[in-house]
């Protein structure tokens, strides 16, 4: 396989590629192309992706994660958290504010389709998350909260 963007830059990159290749074989990374064990040629972009994967940064840009990124930006600007309410009538209401307060104290910011909400939940996990969305790195903690009569998922900046 000939690399159109040139050879691997140095031995450190080769080691990173081998470790990611190992993760691929274990099924931990879905979007990478497995490398040949004989010759290690990879693009600079692939090396950067491998390096991010080893540091635990997911590199995904889907419509649902771009939507989440918009809400995360709102929360960063207002100093609050993003609160995604439990599904009702095939949509999830989105709020920004202090999740420790009552629901009536949160600021409503529209709603998203339940399918988008499900995709967001599939692509994030409870606890600390580090995602690169649209070239921007987002760090947040995903948790669960109960407001009055329904549950909600909270995305708090970290």
Protein backbone atom coordinates (compact mmCIF):
# COMPACT_ATOMS: atom_id res chain seq x y z
CA UNK A 1 0.00 0.00 0.00
CA UNK A 2 1.49 3.35 -1.05
CA UNK A 3 0.65 6.32 1.09
CA UNK A 4 -0.39 9.31 -1.08
CA UNK A 5 0.55 11.82 1.63
CA UNK A 6 3.98 10.41 2.41
CA UNK A 7 5.53 8.01 4.93
CA UNK A 8 5.01 7.86 8.67
CA UNK A 9 6.98 10.71 10.24
CA UNK A 10 8.95 8.94 12.98
CA UNK A 11 9.15 5.87 15.19
CA UNK A 12 6.82 7.42 17.76
CA UNK A 13 4.12 7.59 15.10
CA UNK A 14 4.71 3.96 14.17
CA UNK A 15 4.28 2.94 17.81
CA UNK A 16 1.03 4.90 18.03
CA UNK A 17 -0.23 3.26 14.85
CA UNK A 18 0.64 -0.21 16.17
CA UNK A 19 -1.24 0.48 19.42
CA UNK A 20 -4.29 1.72 17.51
CA UNK A 21 -4.02 -1.26 15.17
CA UNK A 22 -4.20 -3.44 18.30
CA UNK A 23 -7.32 -1.56 19.43
CA UNK A 24 -8.84 -2.10 16.00
CA UNK A 25 -8.30 -5.85 16.21
CA UNK A 26 -9.96 -5.87 19.62
CA UNK A 27 -12.95 -4.02 18.16
CA UNK A 28 -12.41 -0.82 20.16
CA UNK A 29 -12.08 1.52 17.14
CA UNK A 30 -14.63 1.16 14.37
CA UNK A 31 -13.68 3.81 11.84
CA UNK A 32 -10.01 3.11 11.30
CA UNK A 33 -8.60 1.03 8.48
CA UNK A 34 -6.45 -1.86 9.71
CA UNK A 35 -2.79 -1.60 8.78
CA UNK A 36 -0.59 -4.28 7.34
CA UNK A 37 1.85 -5.74 9.87
CA UNK A 38 4.61 -5.82 7.23
CA UNK A 39 4.74 -2.18 6.14
CA UNK A 40 3.31 0.66 8.14
CA UNK A 41 2.29 3.44 5.76
CA UNK A 42 -0.36 5.84 6.97
CA UNK A 43 -1.50 9.35 6.17
CA UNK A 44 -0.74 12.22 8.49
CA UNK A 45 -4.47 12.52 9.15
CA UNK A 46 -4.64 8.88 10.15
CA UNK A 47 -1.73 9.34 12.56
CA UNK A 48 -3.45 12.35 14.11
CA UNK A 49 -6.67 10.34 14.45
CA UNK A 50 -4.75 7.46 16.02
CA UNK A 51 -3.08 9.80 18.48
CA UNK A 52 -6.44 11.29 19.51
CA UNK A 53 -7.94 7.83 19.91
CA UNK A 54 -5.11 6.84 22.23
CA UNK A 55 -5.76 9.94 24.34
CA UNK A 56 -9.45 9.02 24.61
CA UNK A 57 -10.84 11.73 22.35
CA UNK A 58 -13.69 10.53 20.16
CA UNK A 59 -13.65 12.15 16.73
CA UNK A 60 -17.18 12.06 15.47
CA UNK A 61 -19.17 14.61 13.58
CA UNK A 62 -22.78 13.64 13.05
CA UNK A 63 -25.84 15.83 12.78
CA UNK A 64 -26.91 14.85 16.28
CA UNK A 65 -23.50 15.67 17.79
CA UNK A 66 -23.41 18.99 15.93
CA UNK A 67 -26.75 19.75 17.56
CA UNK A 68 -25.29 18.82 20.96
CA UNK A 69 -22.31 21.09 20.24
CA UNK A 70 -24.65 24.03 19.61
CA UNK A 71 -26.28 23.48 23.00
CA UNK A 72 -22.90 23.03 24.69
CA UNK A 73 -21.81 26.39 23.26
CA UNK A 74 -24.99 27.96 24.68
CA UNK A 75 -24.22 26.46 28.07
CA UNK A 76 -20.63 27.72 27.99
CA UNK A 77 -21.85 31.23 27.17
CA UNK A 78 -24.47 31.22 29.94
CA UNK A 79 -22.46 29.34 32.57
CA UNK A 80 -24.96 26.52 32.91
CA UNK A 81 -25.48 22.94 31.80
CA UNK A 82 -27.43 21.45 28.92
CA UNK A 83 -30.48 19.53 30.14
CA UNK A 84 -32.16 17.14 27.70
CA UNK A 85 -35.54 16.08 29.03
CA UNK A 86 -36.99 12.60 28.64
CA UNK A 87 -38.87 11.96 25.39
CA UNK A 88 -42.45 13.26 25.14
CA UNK A 89 -44.41 13.10 21.85
CA UNK A 90 -41.30 12.06 19.88
CA UNK A 91 -39.28 15.14 20.94
CA UNK A 92 -36.98 16.00 23.83
CA UNK A 93 -37.13 19.49 25.31
CA UNK A 94 -33.75 21.20 25.68
CA UNK A 95 -32.93 23.54 28.54
CA UNK A 96 -29.83 25.41 29.62
CA UNK A 97 -29.21 26.39 33.21
CA UNK A 98 -28.25 25.23 36.67
CA UNK A 99 -29.34 21.58 36.88
CA UNK A 100 -29.52 21.77 40.67
CA UNK A 101 -32.48 24.16 40.46
CA UNK A 102 -36.14 23.47 39.70
CA UNK A 103 -37.24 23.02 36.11
CA UNK A 104 -39.11 26.35 36.06
CA UNK A 105 -35.76 28.10 36.72
CA UNK A 106 -34.18 26.61 33.58
CA UNK A 107 -34.21 28.45 30.26
CA UNK A 108 -36.03 26.58 27.48
CA UNK A 109 -34.11 26.38 24.18
CA UNK A 110 -36.44 24.41 21.93
CA UNK A 111 -36.58 20.70 21.36
CA UNK A 112 -34.91 18.03 19.27
CA UNK A 113 -36.26 14.90 17.66
CA UNK A 114 -36.21 11.83 19.87
CA UNK A 115 -34.10 10.02 17.24
CA UNK A 116 -31.43 12.74 17.54
CA UNK A 117 -31.53 12.45 21.32
CA UNK A 118 -31.07 8.69 21.08
CA UNK A 119 -28.07 9.16 18.78
CA UNK A 120 -26.55 11.64 21.24
CA UNK A 121 -26.96 9.11 24.05
CA UNK A 122 -25.44 6.35 21.90
CA UNK A 123 -22.39 8.47 21.05
CA UNK A 124 -21.75 9.73 24.58
CA UNK A 125 -21.55 7.91 27.89
CA UNK A 126 -22.25 8.56 31.56
CA UNK A 127 -19.37 10.34 33.27
CA UNK A 128 -16.58 12.33 31.64
CA UNK A 129 -16.64 12.72 27.87
CA UNK A 130 -14.09 14.22 25.48
CA UNK A 131 -15.42 14.59 21.97
CA UNK A 132 -14.11 16.40 18.95
CA UNK A 133 -17.14 17.72 17.10
CA UNK A 134 -16.66 19.75 13.95
CA UNK A 135 -13.00 20.33 14.76
CA UNK A 136 -13.72 21.64 18.27
CA UNK A 137 -12.89 19.68 21.42
CA UNK A 138 -15.72 19.47 23.97
CA UNK A 139 -15.32 18.21 27.53
CA UNK A 140 -18.40 17.52 29.59
CA UNK A 141 -19.83 15.23 32.22
CA UNK A 142 -23.01 13.37 31.36
CA UNK A 143 -25.29 12.55 34.29
CA UNK A 144 -28.94 11.89 35.06
CA UNK A 145 -31.39 14.09 36.95
CA UNK A 146 -35.08 13.85 37.78
CA UNK A 147 -37.26 16.95 37.31
CA UNK A 148 -40.78 16.85 38.72
CA UNK A 149 -42.45 14.16 36.59
CA UNK A 150 -39.69 13.05 34.21
CA UNK A 151 -36.04 12.22 33.91
CA UNK A 152 -33.40 14.24 32.13
CA UNK A 153 -29.84 13.86 30.94
CA UNK A 154 -27.46 16.62 32.02
CA UNK A 155 -24.39 17.62 30.03
CA UNK A 156 -22.27 19.75 32.37
CA UNK A 157 -19.10 21.45 31.09
CA UNK A 158 -15.92 20.15 32.70
